[in-house]
Amino acid sequence: MASGMMNYLKRKIVIYILTFIFAVTIDFIIPRLMPGDPIAVLLSRFATMPQATQYLHGYFIEAFGLNKPLWEQYITFWKAVLHGDLGISIYFYPKPVAQIIKEALPYDLALLVPSIVASWIVGNWLGAYAGKNRKLDSYLMPVFFFLQASPYFWFAILLAYIFSVKLELFPLSGAYSYGIIPSLSWAFIKDYLHHWVLPFLSLFLVQLGGWAIGMRNMIIYELEADYVRYLEALGSSERTVMRHAFKNAMLPQITGLALQLGLIVAGNVTVQVVFSYPGIGYILMQGILNQDYFLIQGCFLVIILTVLAANFIIDIMYALIDPRIKAAYVEG
């Protein structure tokens, strides 16, 4: 069985390496297909003489390596990536992209990880409860469908309007108040959590609906399976039956967790833009609006690595939970 697990991991690693190369190549190409001149955007922020602007334009084009052929830029890009160099941001010049992402990443983790984990746990629990209780199911399902069908940005705007504009319970934008310096002090943490609630709820509630519907459907399917009828015939308690049904219903939900990580990246961008939350989604939008090739590349590179790593971890978990996967690779 150990050899089956090793074969499984080897094939998955090869697939993920090829996926990474393809995704990073697309990451390099897409920004360069955008119309416009990123250096002109950079120089527009400076009040200079026309002659000086022309000189600086040529200087920055050469400094950023944009005067080289595309294939040479591609090779240089890969060399830099393998050395951990993401380049200098054009929009935030002369700040390195790696430093910008490093400053934004903690805010992303503080928002994404709790929203994903909490929505997955609560959604699966509510879905399982609805699946076994048909009367309650008729009340919960419209709520679940409403949450799932709500776009992230629309729900973010709705929450901002109700709780920030009308009720004035939470701040409308930012991750912390002006004048407060980020630190581990209680004053900053309290202020940050006050700003964090609405972006968190925007992601949590929309995801919760999807998890609940998925688990509810799987529970209903599992409760009609032959092994459940066999357990009931043996006189097993409802708790025992539900434990077996829930365990089997969790397998597709674990797979869905990996897929949801890819979807929430898009939702995270829109939520961060609505609340001006300084995570990677927000700086990615700034990079797109200002045609900052290197900032766009760096943000998407982090997203690619995060999604691939999360999917790889889910694949390992799935193989450990379902022994049929390892058995298949032993036979194959």
C-alpha atoms as a PDB file:
ATOM      1  CA  MET A   1       0.000   0.000   0.000  1.00  0.00           C
ATOM      2  CA  ALA A   2       2.967   2.319   0.668  1.00  0.00           C
ATOM      3  CA  SER A   3       4.159   1.840  -2.924  1.00  0.00           C
ATOM      4  CA  GLY A   4       0.686   2.803  -4.127  1.00  0.00           C
ATOM      5  CA  MET A   5       0.865   6.050  -2.174  1.00  0.00           C
ATOM      6  CA  MET A   6       4.325   6.814  -3.605  1.00  0.00           C
ATOM      7  CA  ASN A   7       3.147   6.188  -7.175  1.00  0.00           C
ATOM      8  CA  TYR A   8       0.148   8.412  -6.525  1.00  0.00           C
ATOM      9  CA  LEU A   9       2.339  11.217  -5.173  1.00  0.00           C
ATOM     10  CA  LYS A  10       4.878  10.948  -8.025  1.00  0.00           C
ATOM     11  CA  ARG A  11       2.195  11.295 -10.688  1.00  0.00           C
ATOM     12  CA  LYS A  12       0.547  14.160  -8.845  1.00  0.00           C
ATOM     13  CA  ILE A  13       3.870  16.009  -8.471  1.00  0.00           C
ATOM     14  CA  VAL A  14       4.565  15.708 -12.210  1.00  0.00           C
ATOM     15  CA  ILE A  15       1.083  17.005 -13.014  1.00  0.00           C
ATOM     16  CA  TYR A  16       1.474  19.932 -10.628  1.00  0.00           C
ATOM     17  CA  ILE A  17       4.907  20.871 -11.996  1.00  0.00           C
ATOM     18  CA  LEU A  18       3.549  20.940 -15.563  1.00  0.00           C
ATOM     19  CA  THR A  19       0.523  22.929 -14.395  1.00  0.00           C
ATOM     20  CA  PHE A  20       2.811  25.397 -12.624  1.00  0.00           C
ATOM     21  CA  ILE A  21       4.958  25.932 -15.730  1.00  0.00           C
ATOM     22  CA  PHE A  22       1.892  26.466 -17.923  1.00  0.00           C
ATOM     23  CA  ALA A  23       0.197  28.809 -15.428  1.00  0.00           C
ATOM     24  CA  VAL A  24       3.330  30.905 -14.891  1.00  0.00           C
ATOM     25  CA  THR A  25       3.811  31.184 -18.673  1.00  0.00           C
ATOM     26  CA  ILE A  26       0.258  32.517 -19.002  1.00  0.00           C
ATOM     27  CA  ASP A  27       1.014  34.813 -16.060  1.00  0.00           C
ATOM     28  CA  PHE A  28       3.931  36.254 -18.044  1.00  0.00           C
ATOM     29  CA  ILE A  29       2.054  36.645 -21.336  1.00  0.00           C
ATOM     30  CA  ILE A  30      -1.309  38.100 -20.232  1.00  0.00           C
ATOM     31  CA  PRO A  31      -0.034  41.430 -18.792  1.00  0.00           C
ATOM     32  CA  ARG A  32       1.990  42.072 -21.954  1.00  0.00           C
ATOM     33  CA  LEU A  33      -1.123  41.678 -24.102  1.00  0.00           C
ATOM     34  CA  MET A  34      -2.724  44.626 -22.319  1.00  0.00           C
ATOM     35  CA  PRO A  35      -2.967  47.758 -24.471  1.00  0.00           C
ATOM     36  CA  GLY A  36      -1.108  50.842 -23.345  1.00  0.00           C
ATOM     37  CA  ASP A  37       2.338  51.835 -22.094  1.00  0.00           C
ATOM     38  CA  PRO A  38       3.105  51.124 -18.397  1.00  0.00           C
ATOM     39  CA  ILE A  39       6.127  53.440 -18.428  1.00  0.00           C
ATOM     40  CA  ALA A  40       3.938  56.310 -19.690  1.00  0.00           C
ATOM     41  CA  VAL A  41       1.631  55.664 -16.733  1.00  0.00           C
ATOM     42  CA  LEU A  42       4.636  55.852 -14.411  1.00  0.00           C
ATOM     43  CA  LEU A  43       5.928  59.101 -15.919  1.00  0.00           C
ATOM     44  CA  SER A  44       2.491  60.719 -15.856  1.00  0.00           C
ATOM     45  CA  ARG A  45       2.889  61.082 -12.086  1.00  0.00           C
ATOM     46  CA  PHE A  46       5.919  63.315 -12.522  1.00  0.00           C
ATOM     47  CA  ALA A  47       5.837  66.911 -13.726  1.00  0.00           C
ATOM     48  CA  THR A  48       8.770  66.974 -16.121  1.00  0.00           C
ATOM     49  CA  MET A  49       9.807  68.731 -19.290  1.00  0.00           C
ATOM     50  CA  PRO A  50       8.882  66.963 -22.579  1.00  0.00           C
ATOM     51  CA  GLN A  51      12.577  66.370 -23.346  1.00  0.00           C
ATOM     52  CA  ALA A  52      13.182  64.938 -19.877  1.00  0.00           C
ATOM     53  CA  THR A  53      10.078  62.744 -20.170  1.00  0.00           C
ATOM     54  CA  GLN A  54      11.324  61.305 -23.448  1.00  0.00           C
ATOM     55  CA  TYR A  55      14.720  60.606 -21.903  1.00  0.00           C
ATOM     56  CA  LEU A  56      13.218  59.014 -18.781  1.00  0.00           C
ATOM     57  CA  HIS A  57      10.873  56.913 -20.909  1.00  0.00           C
ATOM     58  CA  GLY A  58      13.804  55.381 -22.738  1.00  0.00           C
ATOM     59  CA  TYR A  59      15.706  54.950 -19.473  1.00  0.00           C
ATOM     60  CA  PHE A  60      12.857  53.113 -17.707  1.00  0.00           C
ATOM     61  CA  ILE A  61      12.085  50.958 -20.743  1.00  0.00           C
ATOM     62  CA  GLU A  62      15.685  49.741 -20.679  1.00  0.00           C
ATOM     63  CA  ALA A  63      15.839  49.524 -16.867  1.00  0.00           C
ATOM     64  CA  PHE A  64      12.767  47.280 -16.731  1.00  0.00           C
ATOM     65  CA  GLY A  65      14.035  45.191 -19.676  1.00  0.00           C
ATOM     66  CA  LEU A  66      10.970  45.968 -21.797  1.00  0.00           C
ATOM     67  CA  ASN A  67      13.117  46.820 -24.821  1.00  0.00           C
ATOM     68  CA  LYS A  68      14.255  43.223 -25.191  1.00  0.00           C
ATOM     69  CA  PRO A  69      12.512  40.630 -27.413  1.00  0.00           C
ATOM     70  CA  LEU A  70       9.608  38.819 -25.759  1.00  0.00           C
ATOM     71  CA  TRP A  71      11.429  35.469 -25.701  1.00  0.00           C
ATOM     72  CA  GLU A  72      14.402  37.053 -23.919  1.00  0.00           C
ATOM     73  CA  GLN A  73      12.085  38.720 -21.406  1.00  0.00           C
ATOM     74  CA  TYR A  74      10.491  35.303 -20.805  1.00  0.00           C
ATOM     75  CA  ILE A  75      13.832  33.629 -20.069  1.00  0.00           C
ATOM     76  CA  THR A  76      14.851  36.516 -17.793  1.00  0.00           C
ATOM     77  CA  PHE A  77      11.496  36.234 -16.037  1.00  0.00           C
ATOM     78  CA  TRP A  78      11.994  32.531 -15.279  1.00  0.00           C
ATOM     79  CA  LYS A  79      15.527  33.106 -14.034  1.00  0.00           C
ATOM     80  CA  ALA A  80      14.281  35.815 -11.703  1.00  0.00           C
ATOM     81  CA  VAL A  81      11.367  33.689 -10.438  1.00  0.00           C
ATOM     82  CA  LEU A  82      13.662  30.734  -9.667  1.00  0.00           C
ATOM     83  CA  HIS A  83      15.862  33.094  -7.654  1.00  0.00           C
ATOM     84  CA  GLY A  84      12.871  34.549  -5.795  1.00  0.00           C
ATOM     85  CA  ASP A  85      13.144  37.924  -7.532  1.00  0.00           C
ATOM     86  CA  LEU A  86       9.760  39.308  -8.596  1.00  0.00           C
ATOM     87  CA  GLY A  87      11.164  42.574  -9.915  1.00  0.00           C
ATOM     88  CA  ILE A  88      10.422  46.221  -9.132  1.00  0.00           C
ATOM     89  CA  SER A  89       6.870  47.534  -9.198  1.00  0.00           C
ATOM     90  CA  ILE A  90       6.201  50.158 -11.870  1.00  0.00           C
ATOM     91  CA  TYR A  91       3.256  51.697 -10.026  1.00  0.00           C
ATOM     92  CA  PHE A  92       4.919  51.669  -6.579  1.00  0.00           C
ATOM     93  CA  TYR A  93       8.368  52.443  -8.044  1.00  0.00           C
ATOM     94  CA  PRO A  94      10.996  51.853  -6.694  1.00  0.00           C
ATOM     95  CA  LYS A  95       9.456  49.361  -4.259  1.00  0.00           C
ATOM     96  CA  PRO A  96      10.191  45.640  -4.906  1.00  0.00           C
ATOM     97  CA  VAL A  97       7.144  43.513  -5.751  1.00  0.00           C
ATOM     98  CA  ALA A  98       8.207  40.895  -3.195  1.00  0.00           C
ATOM     99  CA  GLN A  99       8.094  43.497  -0.426  1.00  0.00           C
ATOM    100  CA  ILE A 100       4.642  44.718  -1.502  1.00  0.00           C
ATOM    101  CA  ILE A 101       3.291  41.167  -1.486  1.00  0.00           C
ATOM    102  CA  LYS A 102       4.990  40.408   1.823  1.00  0.00           C
ATOM    103  CA  GLU A 103       3.191  43.357   3.401  1.00  0.00           C
ATOM    104  CA  ALA A 104      -0.183  42.368   1.891  1.00  0.00           C
ATOM    105  CA  LEU A 105      -0.016  38.604   2.502  1.00  0.00           C
ATOM    106  CA  PRO A 106      -0.785  38.664   6.269  1.00  0.00           C
ATOM    107  CA  TYR A 107      -4.009  40.538   5.581  1.00  0.00           C
ATOM    108  CA  ASP A 108      -4.994  37.937   2.975  1.00  0.00           C
ATOM    109  CA  LEU A 109      -4.295  35.030   5.300  1.00  0.00           C
ATOM    110  CA  ALA A 110      -6.178  36.694   8.151  1.00  0.00           C
ATOM    111  CA  LEU A 111      -9.220  37.060   5.892  1.00  0.00           C
ATOM    112  CA  LEU A 112      -9.163  33.965   3.670  1.00  0.00           C
ATOM    113  CA  VAL A 113      -8.211  31.181   6.073  1.00  0.00           C
ATOM    114  CA  PRO A 114     -10.908  31.909   8.696  1.00  0.00           C
ATOM    115  CA  SER A 115     -13.613  32.461   6.061  1.00  0.00           C
ATOM    116  CA  ILE A 116     -12.798  29.228   4.205  1.00  0.00           C
ATOM    117  CA  VAL A 117     -12.468  27.034   7.302  1.00  0.00           C
ATOM    118  CA  ALA A 118     -15.457  28.501   9.139  1.00  0.00           C
ATOM    119  CA  SER A 119     -17.782  28.369   6.112  1.00  0.00           C
ATOM    120  CA  TRP A 120     -16.696  24.786   5.342  1.00  0.00           C
ATOM    121  CA  ILE A 121     -17.326  23.570   8.896  1.00  0.00           C
ATOM    122  CA  VAL A 122     -20.590  25.443   9.477  1.00  0.00           C
ATOM    123  CA  GLY A 123     -21.873  24.792   5.940  1.00  0.00           C
ATOM    124  CA  ASN A 124     -21.276  21.043   6.172  1.00  0.00           C
ATOM    125  CA  TRP A 125     -22.905  20.882   9.591  1.00  0.00           C
ATOM    126  CA  LEU A 126     -25.990  22.823   8.489  1.00  0.00           C
ATOM    127  CA  GLY A 127     -26.232  20.863   5.240  1.00  0.00           C
ATOM    128  CA  ALA A 128     -26.073  17.520   7.062  1.00  0.00           C
ATOM    129  CA  TYR A 129     -28.710  18.686   9.527  1.00  0.00           C
ATOM    130  CA  ALA A 130     -30.991  19.822   6.705  1.00  0.00           C
ATOM    131  CA  GLY A 131     -30.464  16.579   4.795  1.00  0.00           C
ATOM    132  CA  LYS A 132     -31.793  14.418   7.608  1.00  0.00           C
ATOM    133  CA  ASN A 133     -34.605  16.771   8.664  1.00  0.00           C
ATOM    134  CA  ARG A 134     -36.973  17.277   5.726  1.00  0.00           C
ATOM    135  CA  LYS A 135     -39.184  19.788   7.575  1.00  0.00           C
ATOM    136  CA  LEU A 136     -36.243  22.030   8.434  1.00  0.00           C
ATOM    137  CA  ASP A 137     -34.866  21.500   4.940  1.00  0.00           C
ATOM    138  CA  SER A 138     -37.803  23.332   3.356  1.00  0.00           C
ATOM    139  CA  TYR A 139     -36.909  26.468   5.350  1.00  0.00           C
ATOM    140  CA  LEU A 140     -33.128  26.314   5.035  1.00  0.00           C
ATOM    141  CA  MET A 141     -32.770  25.527   1.334  1.00  0.00           C
ATOM    142  CA  PRO A 142     -34.103  28.912   0.058  1.00  0.00           C
ATOM    143  CA  VAL A 143     -31.584  30.618   2.347  1.00  0.00           C
ATOM    144  CA  PHE A 144     -28.754  28.405   1.084  1.00  0.00           C
ATOM    145  CA  PHE A 145     -29.679  29.046  -2.556  1.00  0.00           C
ATOM    146  CA  PHE A 146     -29.852  32.790  -1.937  1.00  0.00           C
ATOM    147  CA  LEU A 147     -26.391  32.835  -0.347  1.00  0.00           C
ATOM    148  CA  GLN A 148     -24.834  30.658  -3.043  1.00  0.00           C
ATOM    149  CA  ALA A 149     -26.313  32.721  -5.880  1.00  0.00           C
ATOM    150  CA  SER A 150     -25.108  36.023  -4.408  1.00  0.00           C
ATOM    151  CA  PRO A 151     -21.964  37.415  -6.094  1.00  0.00           C
ATOM    152  CA  TYR A 152     -19.192  38.263  -3.635  1.00  0.00           C
ATOM    153  CA  PHE A 153     -19.041  41.912  -4.641  1.00  0.00           C
ATOM    154  CA  TRP A 154     -22.839  42.334  -4.475  1.00  0.00           C
ATOM    155  CA  PHE A 155     -22.997  40.831  -1.007  1.00  0.00           C
ATOM    156  CA  ALA A 156     -20.057  42.994   0.074  1.00  0.00           C
ATOM    157  CA  ILE A 157     -21.820  46.135  -1.164  1.00  0.00           C
ATOM    158  CA  LEU A 158     -25.059  45.066   0.555  1.00  0.00           C
ATOM    159  CA  LEU A 159     -23.327  44.506   3.899  1.00  0.00           C
ATOM    160  CA  ALA A 160     -21.393  47.764   3.558  1.00  0.00           C
ATOM    161  CA  TYR A 161     -24.610  49.693   2.851  1.00  0.00           C
ATOM    162  CA  ILE A 162     -26.545  48.177   5.765  1.00  0.00           C
ATOM    163  CA  PHE A 163     -23.912  47.981   8.500  1.00  0.00           C
ATOM    164  CA  SER A 164     -21.610  50.857   7.511  1.00  0.00           C
ATOM    165  CA  VAL A 165     -23.759  53.474   5.790  1.00  0.00           C
ATOM    166  CA  LYS A 166     -27.140  52.975   7.494  1.00  0.00           C
ATOM    167  CA  LEU A 167     -26.349  51.503  10.925  1.00  0.00           C
ATOM    168  CA  GLU A 168     -22.774  52.859  11.160  1.00  0.00           C
ATOM    169  CA  LEU A 169     -21.689  49.806  13.142  1.00  0.00           C
ATOM    170  CA  PHE A 170     -18.542  49.017  11.151  1.00  0.00           C
ATOM    171  CA  PRO A 171     -15.995  51.013   9.116  1.00  0.00           C
ATOM    172  CA  LEU A 172     -16.622  51.251   5.391  1.00  0.00           C
ATOM    173  CA  SER A 173     -13.065  50.755   4.132  1.00  0.00           C
ATOM    174  CA  GLY A 174      -9.497  49.890   5.028  1.00  0.00           C
ATOM    175  CA  ALA A 175      -7.967  47.296   7.328  1.00  0.00           C
ATOM    176  CA  TYR A 176      -7.386  49.734  10.190  1.00  0.00           C
ATOM    177  CA  SER A 177      -8.048  53.354  11.068  1.00  0.00           C
ATOM    178  CA  TYR A 178      -5.900  56.223   9.875  1.00  0.00           C
ATOM    179  CA  GLY A 179      -3.270  57.220  12.402  1.00  0.00           C
ATOM    180  CA  ILE A 180      -2.888  53.718  13.846  1.00  0.00           C
ATOM    181  CA  ILE A 181       0.441  51.996  13.230  1.00  0.00           C
ATOM    182  CA  PRO A 182       0.184  48.216  12.598  1.00  0.00           C
ATOM    183  CA  SER A 183       1.580  46.295  15.574  1.00  0.00           C
ATOM    184  CA  LEU A 184       0.730  43.465  17.941  1.00  0.00           C
ATOM    185  CA  SER A 185      -0.785  45.864  20.436  1.00  0.00           C
ATOM    186  CA  TRP A 186      -4.324  45.295  21.681  1.00  0.00           C
ATOM    187  CA  ALA A 187      -5.401  48.695  20.322  1.00  0.00           C
ATOM    188  CA  PHE A 188      -4.384  47.743  16.773  1.00  0.00           C
ATOM    189  CA  ILE A 189      -5.829  44.206  16.973  1.00  0.00           C
ATOM    190  CA  LYS A 190      -9.163  45.548  18.236  1.00  0.00           C
ATOM    191  CA  ASP A 191      -9.273  48.190  15.505  1.00  0.00           C
ATOM    192  CA  TYR A 192      -8.274  45.638  12.828  1.00  0.00           C
ATOM    193  CA  LEU A 193     -11.008  43.188  13.884  1.00  0.00           C
ATOM    194  CA  HIS A 194     -13.536  46.018  13.696  1.00  0.00           C
ATOM    195  CA  HIS A 195     -12.562  46.556  10.035  1.00  0.00           C
ATOM    196  CA  TRP A 196     -12.259  42.799   9.368  1.00  0.00           C
ATOM    197  CA  VAL A 197     -15.835  41.763  10.215  1.00  0.00           C
ATOM    198  CA  LEU A 198     -17.623  42.881   7.028  1.00  0.00           C
ATOM    199  CA  PRO A 199     -15.055  41.505   4.510  1.00  0.00           C
ATOM    200  CA  PHE A 200     -15.071  38.235   6.475  1.00  0.00           C
ATOM    201  CA  LEU A 201     -18.871  37.988   6.465  1.00  0.00           C
ATOM    202  CA  SER A 202     -18.980  38.726   2.719  1.00  0.00           C
ATOM    203  CA  LEU A 203     -16.793  35.704   1.976  1.00  0.00           C
ATOM    204  CA  PHE A 204     -18.128  33.464   4.766  1.00  0.00           C
ATOM    205  CA  LEU A 205     -21.841  33.747   3.974  1.00  0.00           C
ATOM    206  CA  VAL A 206     -21.563  33.262   0.202  1.00  0.00           C
ATOM    207  CA  GLN A 207     -19.376  30.168   0.635  1.00  0.00           C
ATOM    208  CA  LEU A 208     -21.571  28.762   3.395  1.00  0.00           C
ATOM    209  CA  GLY A 209     -24.534  28.410   1.041  1.00  0.00           C
ATOM    210  CA  GLY A 210     -22.549  26.305  -1.429  1.00  0.00           C
ATOM    211  CA  TRP A 211     -21.134  23.981   1.229  1.00  0.00           C
ATOM    212  CA  ALA A 212     -24.536  23.484   2.835  1.00  0.00           C
ATOM    213  CA  ILE A 213     -26.249  22.600  -0.457  1.00  0.00           C
ATOM    214  CA  GLY A 214     -23.479  20.164  -1.391  1.00  0.00           C
ATOM    215  CA  MET A 215     -23.551  18.369   1.960  1.00  0.00           C
ATOM    216  CA  ARG A 216     -27.342  18.315   2.076  1.00  0.00           C
ATOM    217  CA  ASN A 217     -27.540  16.617  -1.330  1.00  0.00           C
ATOM    218  CA  MET A 218     -24.824  14.100  -0.436  1.00  0.00           C
ATOM    219  CA  ILE A 219     -26.463  13.211   2.889  1.00  0.00           C
ATOM    220  CA  ILE A 220     -29.787  12.546   1.173  1.00  0.00           C
ATOM    221  CA  TYR A 221     -27.995  10.344  -1.376  1.00  0.00           C
ATOM    222  CA  GLU A 222     -26.066   8.438   1.300  1.00  0.00           C
ATOM    223  CA  LEU A 223     -29.142   7.864   3.473  1.00  0.00           C
ATOM    224  CA  GLU A 224     -30.783   6.044   0.547  1.00  0.00           C
ATOM    225  CA  ALA A 225     -27.735   3.799  -0.055  1.00  0.00           C
ATOM    226  CA  ASP A 226     -27.876   0.036   0.525  1.00  0.00           C
ATOM    227  CA  TYR A 227     -25.386   0.061   3.410  1.00  0.00           C
ATOM    228  CA  VAL A 228     -27.649   2.448   5.355  1.00  0.00           C
ATOM    229  CA  ARG A 229     -30.624   0.145   4.900  1.00  0.00           C
ATOM    230  CA  TYR A 230     -28.417  -2.751   6.055  1.00  0.00           C
ATOM    231  CA  LEU A 231     -27.371  -0.831   9.178  1.00  0.00           C
ATOM    232  CA  GLU A 232     -30.984   0.035   9.918  1.00  0.00           C
ATOM    233  CA  ALA A 233     -31.964  -3.612   9.501  1.00  0.00           C
ATOM    234  CA  LEU A 234     -29.305  -4.543  12.052  1.00  0.00           C
ATOM    235  CA  GLY A 235     -30.882  -2.125  14.512  1.00  0.00           C
ATOM    236  CA  SER A 236     -28.083   0.466  14.446  1.00  0.00           C
ATOM    237  CA  SER A 237     -28.827   3.763  16.139  1.00  0.00           C
ATOM    238  CA  GLU A 238     -29.551   6.905  14.129  1.00  0.00           C
ATOM    239  CA  ARG A 239     -26.282   8.375  15.379  1.00  0.00           C
ATOM    240  CA  THR A 240     -24.296   5.418  14.004  1.00  0.00           C
ATOM    241  CA  VAL A 241     -26.062   5.606  10.643  1.00  0.00           C
ATOM    242  CA  MET A 242     -25.459   9.343  10.373  1.00  0.00           C
ATOM    243  CA  ARG A 243     -21.802   8.958  11.304  1.00  0.00           C
ATOM    244  CA  HIS A 244     -21.226   6.544   8.408  1.00  0.00           C
ATOM    245  CA  ALA A 245     -23.287   8.635   5.994  1.00  0.00           C
ATOM    246  CA  PHE A 246     -21.507  11.838   7.000  1.00  0.00           C
ATOM    247  CA  LYS A 247     -18.065  10.259   6.545  1.00  0.00           C
ATOM    248  CA  ASN A 248     -18.881   9.120   2.998  1.00  0.00           C
ATOM    249  CA  ALA A 249     -20.562  12.426   2.140  1.00  0.00           C
ATOM    250  CA  MET A 250     -17.441  14.321   3.226  1.00  0.00           C
ATOM    251  CA  LEU A 251     -15.274  12.919   0.400  1.00  0.00           C
ATOM    252  CA  PRO A 252     -16.780  15.104  -2.367  1.00  0.00           C
ATOM    253  CA  GLN A 253     -16.772  18.059   0.047  1.00  0.00           C
ATOM    254  CA  ILE A 254     -13.033  17.679   0.576  1.00  0.00           C
ATOM    255  CA  THR A 255     -12.529  17.690  -3.181  1.00  0.00           C
ATOM    256  CA  GLY A 256     -14.788  20.725  -3.423  1.00  0.00           C
ATOM    257  CA  LEU A 257     -12.639  22.488  -0.844  1.00  0.00           C
ATOM    258  CA  ALA A 258      -9.728  22.528  -3.299  1.00  0.00           C
ATOM    259  CA  LEU A 259     -11.943  23.857  -6.086  1.00  0.00           C
ATOM    260  CA  GLN A 260     -13.406  26.498  -3.789  1.00  0.00           C
ATOM    261  CA  LEU A 261      -9.914  27.801  -3.040  1.00  0.00           C
ATOM    262  CA  GLY A 262      -9.583  28.718  -6.702  1.00  0.00           C
ATOM    263  CA  LEU A 263     -13.004  30.391  -6.809  1.00  0.00           C
ATOM    264  CA  ILE A 264     -12.552  32.374  -3.622  1.00  0.00           C
ATOM    265  CA  VAL A 265      -9.449  34.033  -5.048  1.00  0.00           C
ATOM    266  CA  ALA A 266     -11.706  35.818  -7.543  1.00  0.00           C
ATOM    267  CA  GLY A 267     -14.238  36.611  -4.841  1.00  0.00           C
ATOM    268  CA  ASN A 268     -11.496  37.852  -2.557  1.00  0.00           C
ATOM    269  CA  VAL A 269     -10.353  40.388  -5.172  1.00  0.00           C
ATOM    270  CA  THR A 270     -13.817  41.937  -5.510  1.00  0.00           C
ATOM    271  CA  VAL A 271     -14.427  42.001  -1.758  1.00  0.00           C
ATOM    272  CA  GLN A 272     -11.076  43.685  -1.131  1.00  0.00           C
ATOM    273  CA  VAL A 273     -11.810  46.280  -3.794  1.00  0.00           C
ATOM    274  CA  VAL A 274     -15.236  47.073  -2.263  1.00  0.00           C
ATOM    275  CA  PHE A 275     -13.740  47.537   1.213  1.00  0.00           C
ATOM    276  CA  SER A 276     -10.336  48.888   0.074  1.00  0.00           C
ATOM    277  CA  TYR A 277      -8.835  46.051   2.093  1.00  0.00           C
ATOM    278  CA  PRO A 278      -5.023  46.027   1.565  1.00  0.00           C
ATOM    279  CA  GLY A 279      -4.608  42.398   0.575  1.00  0.00           C
ATOM    280  CA  ILE A 280      -3.190  40.865  -2.590  1.00  0.00           C
ATOM    281  CA  GLY A 281      -6.543  41.219  -4.373  1.00  0.00           C
ATOM    282  CA  TYR A 282      -6.535  44.979  -3.837  1.00  0.00           C
ATOM    283  CA  ILE A 283      -2.929  45.519  -4.964  1.00  0.00           C
ATOM    284  CA  LEU A 284      -3.570  43.234  -7.942  1.00  0.00           C
ATOM    285  CA  MET A 285      -6.374  45.570  -9.009  1.00  0.00           C
ATOM    286  CA  GLN A 286      -4.010  48.517  -8.603  1.00  0.00           C
ATOM    287  CA  GLY A 287      -1.491  46.720 -10.802  1.00  0.00           C
ATOM    288  CA  ILE A 288      -4.083  46.066 -13.511  1.00  0.00           C
ATOM    289  CA  LEU A 289      -5.383  49.646 -13.505  1.00  0.00           C
ATOM    290  CA  ASN A 290      -1.835  50.996 -13.799  1.00  0.00           C
ATOM    291  CA  GLN A 291      -0.528  48.330 -16.220  1.00  0.00           C
ATOM    292  CA  ASP A 292       2.147  47.251 -13.753  1.00  0.00           C
ATOM    293  CA  TYR A 293       3.445  44.076 -15.420  1.00  0.00           C
ATOM    294  CA  PHE A 294       5.650  43.027 -12.533  1.00  0.00           C
ATOM    295  CA  LEU A 295       3.079  43.602  -9.807  1.00  0.00           C
ATOM    296  CA  ILE A 296       0.463  41.650 -11.786  1.00  0.00           C
ATOM    297  CA  GLN A 297       2.942  38.812 -12.373  1.00  0.00           C
ATOM    298  CA  GLY A 298       3.913  38.707  -8.703  1.00  0.00           C
ATOM    299  CA  CYS A 299       0.331  38.673  -7.424  1.00  0.00           C
ATOM    300  CA  PHE A 300      -0.757  35.964  -9.841  1.00  0.00           C
ATOM    301  CA  LEU A 301       2.352  33.938  -9.020  1.00  0.00           C
ATOM    302  CA  VAL A 302       1.380  33.930  -5.345  1.00  0.00           C
ATOM    303  CA  ILE A 303      -2.192  32.981  -6.262  1.00  0.00           C
ATOM    304  CA  ILE A 304      -0.941  30.154  -8.514  1.00  0.00           C
ATOM    305  CA  LEU A 305       1.343  28.772  -5.810  1.00  0.00           C
ATOM    306  CA  THR A 306      -1.386  29.038  -3.157  1.00  0.00           C
ATOM    307  CA  VAL A 307      -4.034  27.289  -5.234  1.00  0.00           C
ATOM    308  CA  LEU A 308      -1.669  24.522  -6.386  1.00  0.00           C
ATOM    309  CA  ALA A 309      -0.361  23.933  -2.852  1.00  0.00           C
ATOM    310  CA  ALA A 310      -3.885  23.799  -1.455  1.00  0.00           C
ATOM    311  CA  ASN A 311      -5.005  21.358  -4.164  1.00  0.00           C
ATOM    312  CA  PHE A 312      -1.949  19.171  -3.551  1.00  0.00           C
ATOM    313  CA  ILE A 313      -2.682  19.032   0.184  1.00  0.00           C
ATOM    314  CA  ILE A 314      -6.306  18.141  -0.554  1.00  0.00           C
ATOM    315  CA  ASP A 315      -5.158  15.360  -2.928  1.00  0.00           C
ATOM    316  CA  ILE A 316      -3.004  13.888  -0.159  1.00  0.00           C
ATOM    317  CA  MET A 317      -5.844  14.129   2.359  1.00  0.00           C
ATOM    318  CA  TYR A 318      -8.219  12.491  -0.114  1.00  0.00           C
ATOM    319  CA  ALA A 319      -5.802   9.611  -0.663  1.00  0.00           C
ATOM    320  CA  LEU A 320      -5.431   9.091   3.092  1.00  0.00           C
ATOM    321  CA  ILE A 321      -9.188   9.143   3.653  1.00  0.00           C
ATOM    322  CA  ASP A 322     -10.137   6.963   0.673  1.00  0.00           C
ATOM    323  CA  PRO A 323      -7.980   3.780   0.535  1.00  0.00           C
ATOM    324  CA  ARG A 324      -9.358   2.938  -2.920  1.00  0.00           C
ATOM    325  CA  ILE A 325      -7.056   5.590  -4.438  1.00  0.00           C
ATOM    326  CA  LYS A 326      -3.885   3.981  -3.085  1.00  0.00           C
ATOM    327  CA  ALA A 327      -5.173   0.545  -4.063  1.00  0.00           C
ATOM    328  CA  ALA A 328      -5.755   1.720  -7.636  1.00  0.00           C
ATOM    329  CA  TYR A 329      -2.146   2.872  -7.963  1.00  0.00           C
ATOM    330  CA  VAL A 330      -0.856  -0.439  -6.552  1.00  0.00           C
ATOM    331  CA  GLU A 331      -2.838  -2.340  -9.154  1.00  0.00           C
ATOM    332  CA  GLY A 332      -1.891   0.163 -11.886  1.00  0.00           C
END
